[in-house]
Protein backbone atom coordinates (compact mmCIF):
# COMPACT_ATOMS: atom_id res chain seq x y z
CA MET A 1 -0.13 -34.38 -18.67
CA GLY A 2 0.10 -34.58 -22.44
CA ILE A 3 -1.86 -35.94 -25.37
CA ASN A 4 -0.37 -39.39 -24.85
CA SER A 5 -0.87 -39.55 -21.08
CA GLU A 6 -3.70 -41.92 -20.22
CA ARG A 7 -6.01 -41.12 -17.31
CA ASP A 8 -8.86 -43.09 -15.80
CA ILE A 9 -11.34 -40.21 -15.71
CA GLU A 10 -14.88 -40.33 -17.05
CA ALA A 11 -16.36 -37.24 -18.68
CA ASN A 12 -19.51 -36.34 -20.52
CA MET A 13 -19.35 -34.26 -23.69
CA GLN A 14 -22.16 -32.52 -25.49
CA ILE A 15 -21.90 -30.54 -28.73
CA GLY A 16 -24.59 -28.32 -30.15
CA PRO A 17 -25.64 -24.87 -31.30
CA THR A 18 -26.38 -22.06 -28.86
CA ASP A 19 -29.19 -19.52 -29.14
CA GLN A 20 -26.49 -16.98 -29.88
CA GLY A 21 -25.35 -18.68 -33.12
CA MET A 22 -22.29 -20.27 -31.58
CA VAL A 23 -21.26 -23.90 -31.41
CA ARG A 24 -20.76 -25.06 -27.84
CA ILE A 25 -18.68 -28.01 -26.74
CA PHE A 26 -19.70 -28.73 -23.17
CA ILE A 27 -17.64 -31.05 -21.02
CA GLU A 28 -18.56 -32.21 -17.50
CA SER A 29 -16.45 -34.34 -15.25
CA GLN A 30 -16.37 -34.81 -11.46
CA GLY A 31 -18.57 -31.82 -10.88
CA VAL A 32 -16.58 -29.50 -13.08
CA GLU A 33 -18.34 -28.04 -16.09
CA VAL A 34 -16.39 -26.54 -19.03
CA PRO A 35 -18.50 -24.80 -21.70
CA MET A 36 -16.45 -23.73 -24.76
CA ASP A 37 -18.11 -21.60 -27.43
CA PHE A 38 -16.89 -21.26 -30.98
CA GLU A 39 -17.83 -19.32 -34.09
CA PRO A 40 -19.20 -21.77 -36.73
CA GLU A 41 -15.99 -21.36 -38.79
CA GLU A 42 -13.87 -22.24 -35.75
CA ALA A 43 -16.01 -25.28 -35.10
CA GLU A 44 -15.52 -26.42 -38.71
CA GLU A 45 -11.76 -26.10 -38.27
CA ILE A 46 -11.95 -28.20 -35.07
CA ALA A 47 -13.98 -30.84 -36.94
CA GLU A 48 -11.33 -30.98 -39.67
CA GLU A 49 -8.62 -31.42 -37.03
CA ILE A 50 -10.58 -34.23 -35.42
CA LEU A 51 -11.02 -35.97 -38.77
CA ALA A 52 -7.31 -35.60 -39.51
CA ALA A 53 -6.39 -37.04 -36.07
CA ALA A 54 -8.74 -39.97 -36.69
CA ALA A 55 -7.06 -40.68 -40.04
CA ALA A 56 -3.62 -40.50 -38.41
CA ALA A 57 -4.75 -42.80 -35.60
CA ARG A 58 -5.89 -45.40 -38.12
CA VAL A 59 -2.37 -45.50 -39.56
CA VAL A 60 -0.91 -46.18 -36.11
CA LYS A 61 -3.07 -49.23 -35.60
């Protein structure tokens, strides 16, 4: 499975700060929970990557 492989799976995603000063991305799907914690600087890098991907996706359309 790659970035361009479509799947018909629903998932819930939550993003927020933890009480330990981390940023958590929490994904839940089909009874599986995946919590991912990042330092604030890492979270900012991820946000920049998401914005860059959104810009690139606009060009494709």
